[in-house]
Amino acid sequence: MHNNIFNNDFFQIIFNNASEAYAIGFDNKFIECNEAALKLFALSHKEDFIGKHPADFSPEKQPDGSNSLQKSNEFLEKAVTHGTQKFEWLHKRSTSEEFYADVVLTSLKVMEKIFIQVEIRDISEQKNAELALKESEQRFRTIFENSADAYMVLYKNRFVDCNSANLALFGFKTKEEFI
């Protein structure tokens, strides 16, 4: 009885109703996607997604300065030749809003043809929190380093950091001397 359940309709229902964005690629173009993918890219119709290259949903350049088209082609090729590829990517919705995503590309061989299963997870909230934390740390570091007040950091009964006012107060030239 269970074998009758697991037919194409069953797997199509799972694919279409998954909460994560999934797409299927062939020859560097999307040939299928689920509703979550359409929603993620702010699209209304599959026709707006099918036939497009992944770089069509990316800014021209990635944060590292690399060309999105070239870099996405490299990841697609690696998925075909070396198997699953996991990476972080900057995507762009149809509204031009950019968002960070974790992407997983998995090579699938079906009837002697190679397809790429694409999983895309929006990590914008996590990435924005990381960036806000870095900015906060940088602001603290600037205040710490440039303060006229002497600051030192004690961790487990040992000094691990200090600012230049602290060095001047105690007559040291470098942090290494003080620490």
N, C-alpha and C. Protein backbone atom coordinates (compact mmCIF):
# COMPACT_ATOMS: atom_id res chain seq x y z
N MET A 1 0.82 -1.20 0.00
CA MET A 1 0.00 0.00 0.00
C MET A 1 0.86 1.27 0.00
N HIS A 2 1.95 1.26 0.77
CA HIS A 2 2.79 2.44 0.84
C HIS A 2 3.40 2.78 -0.51
N ASN A 3 3.72 1.81 -1.33
CA ASN A 3 4.32 2.08 -2.64
C ASN A 3 3.39 2.90 -3.52
N ASN A 4 2.09 2.72 -3.37
CA ASN A 4 1.13 3.48 -4.16
C ASN A 4 1.11 4.95 -3.78
N ILE A 5 1.46 5.26 -2.53
CA ILE A 5 1.45 6.64 -2.06
C ILE A 5 2.59 7.43 -2.69
N PHE A 6 3.74 6.77 -2.81
CA PHE A 6 4.94 7.47 -3.26
C PHE A 6 5.02 7.51 -4.79
N ASN A 7 4.18 8.31 -5.37
CA ASN A 7 4.20 8.51 -6.81
C ASN A 7 4.58 9.95 -7.12
N ASN A 8 4.56 10.31 -8.36
CA ASN A 8 4.96 11.66 -8.75
C ASN A 8 4.10 12.74 -8.10
N ASP A 9 2.80 12.49 -7.99
CA ASP A 9 1.90 13.47 -7.37
C ASP A 9 2.30 13.73 -5.93
N PHE A 10 2.65 12.67 -5.21
CA PHE A 10 3.04 12.79 -3.81
C PHE A 10 4.27 13.70 -3.67
N PHE A 11 5.28 13.45 -4.47
CA PHE A 11 6.51 14.24 -4.38
C PHE A 11 6.29 15.67 -4.89
N GLN A 12 5.42 15.86 -5.85
CA GLN A 12 5.09 17.20 -6.33
C GLN A 12 4.41 18.00 -5.22
N ILE A 13 3.55 17.36 -4.45
CA ILE A 13 2.87 18.02 -3.34
C ILE A 13 3.88 18.44 -2.28
N ILE A 14 4.81 17.54 -1.95
CA ILE A 14 5.85 17.86 -0.96
C ILE A 14 6.69 19.04 -1.46
N PHE A 15 7.13 18.98 -2.69
CA PHE A 15 7.96 20.03 -3.29
C PHE A 15 7.23 21.37 -3.26
N ASN A 16 6.01 21.39 -3.73
CA ASN A 16 5.26 22.64 -3.84
C ASN A 16 4.89 23.24 -2.50
N ASN A 17 4.73 22.41 -1.47
CA ASN A 17 4.28 22.90 -0.17
C ASN A 17 5.39 23.03 0.87
N ALA A 18 6.62 22.80 0.47
CA ALA A 18 7.74 22.95 1.40
C ALA A 18 7.84 24.40 1.85
N SER A 19 8.20 24.60 3.10
CA SER A 19 8.32 25.97 3.61
C SER A 19 9.60 26.64 3.12
N GLU A 20 10.60 25.85 2.76
CA GLU A 20 11.85 26.40 2.21
C GLU A 20 11.70 26.59 0.71
N ALA A 21 12.46 27.53 0.18
CA ALA A 21 12.45 27.79 -1.26
C ALA A 21 13.28 26.73 -1.97
N TYR A 22 12.66 26.05 -2.92
CA TYR A 22 13.34 25.04 -3.73
C TYR A 22 13.13 25.35 -5.21
N ALA A 23 14.15 25.04 -5.97
CA ALA A 23 14.06 25.17 -7.42
C ALA A 23 14.86 24.02 -8.03
N ILE A 24 14.58 23.76 -9.29
CA ILE A 24 15.32 22.76 -10.05
C ILE A 24 15.94 23.48 -11.24
N GLY A 25 17.24 23.22 -11.44
CA GLY A 25 17.94 23.83 -12.55
C GLY A 25 18.43 22.80 -13.53
N PHE A 26 18.53 23.21 -14.77
CA PHE A 26 19.08 22.38 -15.84
C PHE A 26 19.74 23.32 -16.83
N ASP A 27 20.98 23.00 -17.19
CA ASP A 27 21.72 23.81 -18.16
C ASP A 27 21.78 25.29 -17.73
N ASN A 28 22.06 25.50 -16.45
CA ASN A 28 22.23 26.83 -15.85
C ASN A 28 20.98 27.72 -15.90
N LYS A 29 19.82 27.11 -16.04
CA LYS A 29 18.56 27.84 -16.01
C LYS A 29 17.59 27.12 -15.07
N PHE A 30 16.72 27.89 -14.43
CA PHE A 30 15.69 27.28 -13.60
C PHE A 30 14.61 26.68 -14.49
N ILE A 31 14.20 25.46 -14.16
CA ILE A 31 13.12 24.82 -14.93
C ILE A 31 11.90 24.55 -14.07
N GLU A 32 12.04 24.72 -12.75
CA GLU A 32 10.92 24.50 -11.83
C GLU A 32 11.22 25.19 -10.52
N CYS A 33 10.16 25.56 -9.80
CA CYS A 33 10.32 26.14 -8.46
C CYS A 33 9.05 25.90 -7.67
N ASN A 34 9.16 26.05 -6.37
CA ASN A 34 7.96 25.92 -5.54
C ASN A 34 7.42 27.30 -5.17
N GLU A 35 6.29 27.30 -4.48
CA GLU A 35 5.64 28.56 -4.10
C GLU A 35 6.53 29.38 -3.16
N ALA A 36 7.28 28.70 -2.29
CA ALA A 36 8.16 29.41 -1.36
C ALA A 36 9.25 30.19 -2.13
N ALA A 37 9.72 29.65 -3.23
CA ALA A 37 10.72 30.35 -4.05
C ALA A 37 10.11 31.59 -4.68
N LEU A 38 8.90 31.46 -5.19
CA LEU A 38 8.23 32.63 -5.77
C LEU A 38 8.06 33.72 -4.71
N LYS A 39 7.62 33.32 -3.53
CA LYS A 39 7.43 34.28 -2.44
C LYS A 39 8.75 34.93 -2.05
N LEU A 40 9.81 34.12 -1.93
CA LEU A 40 11.13 34.64 -1.53
C LEU A 40 11.62 35.72 -2.49
N PHE A 41 11.39 35.51 -3.78
CA PHE A 41 11.86 36.47 -4.79
C PHE A 41 10.79 37.50 -5.17
N ALA A 42 9.68 37.51 -4.43
CA ALA A 42 8.59 38.46 -4.65
C ALA A 42 8.03 38.37 -6.07
N LEU A 43 7.80 37.15 -6.51
CA LEU A 43 7.26 36.91 -7.85
C LEU A 43 5.84 36.36 -7.74
N SER A 44 5.02 36.65 -8.72
CA SER A 44 3.63 36.19 -8.72
C SER A 44 3.42 34.92 -9.54
N HIS A 45 4.26 34.73 -10.56
CA HIS A 45 4.03 33.63 -11.49
C HIS A 45 5.32 32.87 -11.75
N LYS A 46 5.19 31.57 -11.92
CA LYS A 46 6.36 30.74 -12.23
C LYS A 46 7.05 31.19 -13.51
N GLU A 47 6.28 31.73 -14.43
CA GLU A 47 6.84 32.19 -15.70
C GLU A 47 7.89 33.28 -15.49
N ASP A 48 7.80 33.98 -14.36
CA ASP A 48 8.77 35.03 -14.05
C ASP A 48 10.08 34.45 -13.51
N PHE A 49 10.07 33.15 -13.23
CA PHE A 49 11.22 32.47 -12.64
C PHE A 49 11.84 31.45 -13.61
N ILE A 50 10.97 30.66 -14.23
CA ILE A 50 11.41 29.60 -15.13
C ILE A 50 12.17 30.21 -16.32
N GLY A 51 13.28 29.55 -16.68
CA GLY A 51 14.08 29.99 -17.82
C GLY A 51 15.13 31.03 -17.45
N LYS A 52 15.12 31.47 -16.21
CA LYS A 52 16.08 32.48 -15.77
C LYS A 52 17.33 31.81 -15.20
N HIS A 53 18.42 32.53 -15.26
CA HIS A 53 19.69 32.10 -14.67
C HIS A 53 19.71 32.58 -13.22
N PRO A 54 20.35 31.85 -12.30
CA PRO A 54 20.42 32.33 -10.91
C PRO A 54 20.96 33.75 -10.78
N ALA A 55 21.86 34.16 -11.65
CA ALA A 55 22.40 35.52 -11.58
C ALA A 55 21.34 36.57 -11.89
N ASP A 56 20.24 36.17 -12.55
CA ASP A 56 19.16 37.11 -12.81
C ASP A 56 18.48 37.55 -11.51
N PHE A 57 18.69 36.80 -10.43
CA PHE A 57 18.13 37.12 -9.13
C PHE A 57 19.23 37.51 -8.15
N SER A 58 20.24 38.17 -8.68
CA SER A 58 21.41 38.58 -7.90
C SER A 58 21.83 39.98 -8.35
N PRO A 59 22.47 40.72 -7.44
CA PRO A 59 23.07 41.98 -7.90
C PRO A 59 24.22 41.66 -8.84
N GLU A 60 24.69 42.62 -9.58
CA GLU A 60 25.78 42.38 -10.53
C GLU A 60 27.02 41.83 -9.84
N LYS A 61 27.30 42.36 -8.64
CA LYS A 61 28.49 41.93 -7.88
C LYS A 61 28.07 41.36 -6.53
N GLN A 62 28.84 40.38 -6.08
CA GLN A 62 28.68 39.84 -4.74
C GLN A 62 29.48 40.71 -3.77
N PRO A 63 29.24 40.59 -2.46
CA PRO A 63 29.95 41.44 -1.49
C PRO A 63 31.47 41.36 -1.58
N ASP A 64 32.01 40.23 -2.06
CA ASP A 64 33.47 40.11 -2.19
C ASP A 64 34.00 40.76 -3.47
N GLY A 65 33.10 41.38 -4.25
CA GLY A 65 33.49 42.06 -5.48
C GLY A 65 33.43 41.19 -6.73
N SER A 66 33.17 39.90 -6.55
CA SER A 66 33.13 39.01 -7.71
C SER A 66 31.84 39.21 -8.51
N ASN A 67 31.92 38.93 -9.80
CA ASN A 67 30.79 39.03 -10.71
C ASN A 67 29.81 37.90 -10.40
N SER A 68 28.54 38.23 -10.17
CA SER A 68 27.54 37.23 -9.78
C SER A 68 27.35 36.16 -10.85
N LEU A 69 27.33 36.54 -12.12
CA LEU A 69 27.14 35.57 -13.19
C LEU A 69 28.28 34.56 -13.21
N GLN A 70 29.51 35.05 -13.18
CA GLN A 70 30.67 34.15 -13.23
C GLN A 70 30.72 33.26 -11.99
N LYS A 71 30.51 33.86 -10.83
CA LYS A 71 30.61 33.09 -9.59
C LYS A 71 29.50 32.04 -9.49
N SER A 72 28.29 32.40 -9.91
CA SER A 72 27.19 31.41 -9.86
C SER A 72 27.46 30.27 -10.83
N ASN A 73 28.02 30.57 -12.01
CA ASN A 73 28.37 29.50 -12.94
C ASN A 73 29.43 28.58 -12.36
N GLU A 74 30.38 29.14 -11.61
CA GLU A 74 31.41 28.33 -10.96
C GLU A 74 30.78 27.38 -9.94
N PHE A 75 29.86 27.90 -9.12
CA PHE A 75 29.19 27.04 -8.13
C PHE A 75 28.36 25.95 -8.81
N LEU A 76 27.67 26.29 -9.88
CA LEU A 76 26.87 25.30 -10.61
C LEU A 76 27.76 24.20 -11.18
N GLU A 77 28.90 24.60 -11.76
CA GLU A 77 29.84 23.62 -12.32
C GLU A 77 30.41 22.73 -11.23
N LYS A 78 30.74 23.32 -10.09
CA LYS A 78 31.27 22.53 -8.97
C LYS A 78 30.23 21.54 -8.46
N ALA A 79 28.97 21.94 -8.45
CA ALA A 79 27.91 21.02 -8.01
C ALA A 79 27.83 19.82 -8.95
N VAL A 80 27.98 20.07 -10.24
CA VAL A 80 27.93 18.98 -11.22
C VAL A 80 29.14 18.07 -11.10
N THR A 81 30.33 18.65 -10.96
CA THR A 81 31.56 17.85 -10.98
C THR A 81 31.99 17.32 -9.62
N HIS A 82 31.68 18.05 -8.54
CA HIS A 82 32.17 17.66 -7.22
C HIS A 82 31.07 17.35 -6.21
N GLY A 83 29.82 17.48 -6.59
CA GLY A 83 28.73 17.19 -5.66
C GLY A 83 28.19 18.44 -4.98
N THR A 84 27.51 18.23 -3.90
CA THR A 84 26.80 19.29 -3.19
C THR A 84 27.70 20.48 -2.85
N GLN A 85 27.17 21.68 -3.08
CA GLN A 85 27.87 22.92 -2.77
C GLN A 85 27.00 23.74 -1.82
N LYS A 86 27.59 24.20 -0.73
CA LYS A 86 26.88 25.05 0.24
C LYS A 86 27.63 26.36 0.34
N PHE A 87 26.90 27.47 0.27
CA PHE A 87 27.55 28.78 0.30
C PHE A 87 26.54 29.87 0.66
N GLU A 88 27.08 31.02 1.02
CA GLU A 88 26.27 32.19 1.30
C GLU A 88 26.24 33.04 0.03
N TRP A 89 25.08 33.64 -0.26
CA TRP A 89 24.91 34.37 -1.51
C TRP A 89 24.05 35.60 -1.27
N LEU A 90 24.37 36.67 -1.98
CA LEU A 90 23.53 37.86 -1.95
C LEU A 90 22.59 37.80 -3.14
N HIS A 91 21.29 37.69 -2.86
CA HIS A 91 20.27 37.61 -3.90
C HIS A 91 19.54 38.95 -4.00
N LYS A 92 18.68 39.03 -5.01
CA LYS A 92 17.88 40.25 -5.22
C LYS A 92 16.45 39.83 -5.59
N ARG A 93 15.50 40.38 -4.87
CA ARG A 93 14.08 40.12 -5.17
C ARG A 93 13.66 40.92 -6.40
N SER A 94 12.49 40.62 -6.92
CA SER A 94 11.97 41.36 -8.08
C SER A 94 11.74 42.83 -7.73
N THR A 95 11.66 43.13 -6.45
CA THR A 95 11.48 44.51 -5.98
C THR A 95 12.82 45.26 -5.89
N SER A 96 13.91 44.59 -6.26
CA SER A 96 15.29 45.09 -6.18
C SER A 96 15.86 45.07 -4.76
N GLU A 97 15.08 44.61 -3.79
CA GLU A 97 15.58 44.47 -2.43
C GLU A 97 16.58 43.31 -2.39
N GLU A 98 17.75 43.57 -1.83
CA GLU A 98 18.77 42.52 -1.72
C GLU A 98 18.63 41.80 -0.40
N PHE A 99 18.97 40.51 -0.40
CA PHE A 99 18.93 39.72 0.83
C PHE A 99 19.99 38.64 0.78
N TYR A 100 20.50 38.31 1.95
CA TYR A 100 21.49 37.24 2.06
C TYR A 100 20.77 35.90 2.20
N ALA A 101 21.38 34.88 1.61
CA ALA A 101 20.79 33.54 1.66
C ALA A 101 21.87 32.49 1.81
N ASP A 102 21.51 31.42 2.49
CA ASP A 102 22.30 30.20 2.47
C ASP A 102 21.76 29.40 1.29
N VAL A 103 22.65 28.94 0.44
CA VAL A 103 22.24 28.20 -0.76
C VAL A 103 22.90 26.83 -0.73
N VAL A 104 22.12 25.81 -1.09
CA VAL A 104 22.64 24.46 -1.22
C VAL A 104 22.30 23.98 -2.63
N LEU A 105 23.33 23.61 -3.39
CA LEU A 105 23.14 23.05 -4.73
C LEU A 105 23.46 21.57 -4.66
N THR A 106 22.54 20.74 -5.14
CA THR A 106 22.75 19.30 -5.14
C THR A 106 22.53 18.77 -6.54
N SER A 107 23.53 18.05 -7.04
CA SER A 107 23.48 17.47 -8.37
C SER A 107 22.62 16.21 -8.34
N LEU A 108 21.69 16.10 -9.30
CA LEU A 108 20.80 14.93 -9.41
C LEU A 108 20.88 14.37 -10.82
N LYS A 109 21.17 13.09 -10.92
CA LYS A 109 21.21 12.46 -12.24
C LYS A 109 19.88 11.72 -12.44
N VAL A 110 19.14 12.16 -13.46
CA VAL A 110 17.85 11.57 -13.77
C VAL A 110 17.81 11.29 -15.27
N MET A 111 17.60 10.04 -15.63
CA MET A 111 17.54 9.62 -17.03
C MET A 111 18.75 10.15 -17.82
N GLU A 112 19.93 9.96 -17.24
CA GLU A 112 21.20 10.33 -17.85
C GLU A 112 21.41 11.83 -18.04
N LYS A 113 20.56 12.63 -17.41
CA LYS A 113 20.73 14.08 -17.46
C LYS A 113 21.02 14.59 -16.06
N ILE A 114 21.81 15.65 -15.96
CA ILE A 114 22.18 16.23 -14.67
C ILE A 114 21.30 17.46 -14.40
N PHE A 115 20.58 17.39 -13.30
CA PHE A 115 19.76 18.49 -12.82
C PHE A 115 20.39 19.00 -11.52
N ILE A 116 20.08 20.23 -11.18
CA ILE A 116 20.57 20.81 -9.93
C ILE A 116 19.36 21.16 -9.06
N GLN A 117 19.32 20.55 -7.89
CA GLN A 117 18.32 20.93 -6.89
C GLN A 117 18.89 22.11 -6.12
N VAL A 118 18.11 23.18 -6.01
CA VAL A 118 18.57 24.41 -5.36
C VAL A 118 17.69 24.66 -4.14
N GLU A 119 18.33 24.79 -2.99
CA GLU A 119 17.63 25.16 -1.76
C GLU A 119 18.14 26.54 -1.36
N ILE A 120 17.21 27.45 -1.10
CA ILE A 120 17.57 28.83 -0.77
C ILE A 120 16.88 29.21 0.53
N ARG A 121 17.68 29.60 1.52
CA ARG A 121 17.14 30.00 2.82
C ARG A 121 17.55 31.45 3.11
N ASP A 122 16.56 32.30 3.31
CA ASP A 122 16.80 33.71 3.62
C ASP A 122 17.42 33.82 5.01
N ILE A 123 18.62 34.40 5.09
CA ILE A 123 19.30 34.58 6.37
C ILE A 123 19.52 36.07 6.66
N SER A 124 18.67 36.91 6.09
CA SER A 124 18.81 38.36 6.24
C SER A 124 18.80 38.80 7.69
N GLU A 125 17.88 38.28 8.48
CA GLU A 125 17.80 38.69 9.88
C GLU A 125 19.09 38.34 10.61
N GLN A 126 19.58 37.13 10.40
CA GLN A 126 20.83 36.69 11.04
C GLN A 126 21.99 37.56 10.56
N LYS A 127 22.07 37.79 9.26
CA LYS A 127 23.17 38.59 8.70
C LYS A 127 23.11 40.03 9.20
N ASN A 128 21.91 40.60 9.25
CA ASN A 128 21.76 41.97 9.75
C ASN A 128 22.16 42.06 11.22
N ALA A 129 21.83 41.04 12.01
CA ALA A 129 22.23 41.02 13.42
C ALA A 129 23.75 40.93 13.54
N GLU A 130 24.38 40.11 12.70
CA GLU A 130 25.84 40.00 12.70
C GLU A 130 26.50 41.33 12.34
N LEU A 131 25.96 42.00 11.32
CA LEU A 131 26.51 43.29 10.90
C LEU A 131 26.32 44.35 11.99
N ALA A 132 25.16 44.34 12.65
CA ALA A 132 24.90 45.29 13.74
C ALA A 132 25.86 45.03 14.90
N LEU A 133 26.12 43.76 15.19
CA LEU A 133 27.06 43.43 16.25
C LEU A 133 28.47 43.89 15.90
N LYS A 134 28.90 43.69 14.66
CA LYS A 134 30.22 44.15 14.23
C LYS A 134 30.33 45.67 14.35
N GLU A 135 29.29 46.37 13.92
CA GLU A 135 29.30 47.83 14.02
C GLU A 135 29.37 48.28 15.47
N SER A 136 28.63 47.61 16.33
CA SER A 136 28.63 47.93 17.75
C SER A 136 30.01 47.68 18.35
N GLU A 137 30.60 46.55 18.00
CA GLU A 137 31.95 46.24 18.48
C GLU A 137 32.95 47.27 18.00
N GLN A 138 32.81 47.72 16.76
CA GLN A 138 33.73 48.72 16.22
C GLN A 138 33.56 50.06 16.94
N ARG A 139 32.31 50.45 17.22
CA ARG A 139 32.07 51.69 17.97
C ARG A 139 32.69 51.60 19.36
N PHE A 140 32.48 50.45 20.03
CA PHE A 140 33.06 50.26 21.36
C PHE A 140 34.59 50.32 21.28
N ARG A 141 35.17 49.66 20.29
CA ARG A 141 36.63 49.64 20.14
C ARG A 141 37.15 51.06 19.94
N THR A 142 36.46 51.85 19.13
CA THR A 142 36.88 53.24 18.87
C THR A 142 36.82 54.06 20.16
N ILE A 143 35.74 53.93 20.90
CA ILE A 143 35.62 54.65 22.18
C ILE A 143 36.70 54.19 23.15
N PHE A 144 36.89 52.88 23.24
CA PHE A 144 37.88 52.29 24.14
C PHE A 144 39.28 52.79 23.80
N GLU A 145 39.65 52.73 22.53
CA GLU A 145 41.01 53.10 22.12
C GLU A 145 41.27 54.60 22.22
N ASN A 146 40.25 55.42 21.97
CA ASN A 146 40.46 56.87 21.89
C ASN A 146 40.09 57.62 23.17
N SER A 147 39.67 56.91 24.18
CA SER A 147 39.27 57.56 25.43
C SER A 147 40.48 58.14 26.16
N ALA A 148 40.27 59.28 26.78
CA ALA A 148 41.32 59.89 27.61
C ALA A 148 41.42 59.17 28.96
N ASP A 149 40.38 58.40 29.28
CA ASP A 149 40.39 57.62 30.52
C ASP A 149 41.14 56.31 30.29
N ALA A 150 41.83 55.86 31.33
CA ALA A 150 42.58 54.61 31.23
C ALA A 150 41.63 53.43 31.39
N TYR A 151 41.65 52.53 30.41
CA TYR A 151 40.83 51.32 30.46
C TYR A 151 41.73 50.11 30.31
N MET A 152 41.37 49.06 31.05
CA MET A 152 42.04 47.78 30.91
C MET A 152 40.98 46.70 31.05
N VAL A 153 41.22 45.58 30.39
CA VAL A 153 40.28 44.47 30.42
C VAL A 153 40.94 43.33 31.17
N LEU A 154 40.24 42.88 32.23
CA LEU A 154 40.73 41.77 33.05
C LEU A 154 39.86 40.56 32.76
N TYR A 155 40.50 39.44 32.44
CA TYR A 155 39.77 38.20 32.16
C TYR A 155 40.50 37.06 32.85
N LYS A 156 39.80 36.35 33.73
CA LYS A 156 40.39 35.24 34.48
C LYS A 156 41.68 35.66 35.18
N ASN A 157 41.57 36.76 35.92
CA ASN A 157 42.69 37.29 36.71
C ASN A 157 43.91 37.67 35.88
N ARG A 158 43.68 38.03 34.63
CA ARG A 158 44.79 38.40 33.75
C ARG A 158 44.35 39.55 32.85
N PHE A 159 45.21 40.55 32.68
CA PHE A 159 44.89 41.64 31.75
C PHE A 159 45.03 41.12 30.33
N VAL A 160 44.00 41.37 29.52
CA VAL A 160 44.01 40.90 28.13
C VAL A 160 44.00 42.05 27.13
N ASP A 161 43.70 43.26 27.62
CA ASP A 161 43.68 44.41 26.71
C ASP A 161 43.75 45.69 27.53
N CYS A 162 44.17 46.75 26.88
CA CYS A 162 44.18 48.07 27.51
C CYS A 162 44.24 49.12 26.41
N ASN A 163 43.94 50.36 26.79
CA ASN A 163 44.01 51.43 25.80
C ASN A 163 45.29 52.26 26.01
N SER A 164 45.50 53.22 25.11
CA SER A 164 46.74 54.02 25.16
C SER A 164 46.80 54.90 26.40
N ALA A 165 45.64 55.38 26.91
CA ALA A 165 45.64 56.18 28.14
C ALA A 165 46.15 55.35 29.31
N ASN A 166 45.81 54.08 29.32
CA ASN A 166 46.29 53.17 30.37
C ASN A 166 47.81 53.00 30.27
N LEU A 167 48.31 52.85 29.05
CA LEU A 167 49.76 52.72 28.85
C LEU A 167 50.49 53.95 29.35
N ALA A 168 49.96 55.13 29.01
CA ALA A 168 50.59 56.38 29.43
C ALA A 168 50.55 56.51 30.96
N LEU A 169 49.43 56.15 31.57
CA LEU A 169 49.28 56.26 33.02
C LEU A 169 50.31 55.42 33.76
N PHE A 170 50.55 54.20 33.25
CA PHE A 170 51.46 53.28 33.94
C PHE A 170 52.86 53.25 33.34
N GLY A 171 53.12 54.06 32.32
CA GLY A 171 54.45 54.18 31.77
C GLY A 171 54.89 53.06 30.83
N PHE A 172 53.94 52.43 30.19
CA PHE A 172 54.28 51.37 29.22
C PHE A 172 54.22 51.94 27.80
N LYS A 173 54.99 51.35 26.90
CA LYS A 173 54.98 51.80 25.50
C LYS A 173 54.06 50.96 24.62
N THR A 174 53.94 49.68 24.93
CA THR A 174 53.10 48.79 24.11
C THR A 174 52.16 47.99 25.01
N LYS A 175 51.10 47.52 24.40
CA LYS A 175 50.14 46.66 25.12
C LYS A 175 50.82 45.39 25.61
N GLU A 176 51.72 44.86 24.78
CA GLU A 176 52.40 43.62 25.13
C GLU A 176 53.19 43.76 26.43
N GLU A 177 53.77 44.92 26.66
CA GLU A 177 54.49 45.16 27.91
C GLU A 177 53.56 45.11 29.11
N PHE A 178 52.37 45.70 28.92
CA PHE A 178 51.40 45.76 30.03
C PHE A 178 50.74 44.40 30.28
N ILE A 179 50.41 43.75 29.22
CA ILE A 179 49.69 42.47 29.33
C ILE A 179 50.65 41.40 29.74
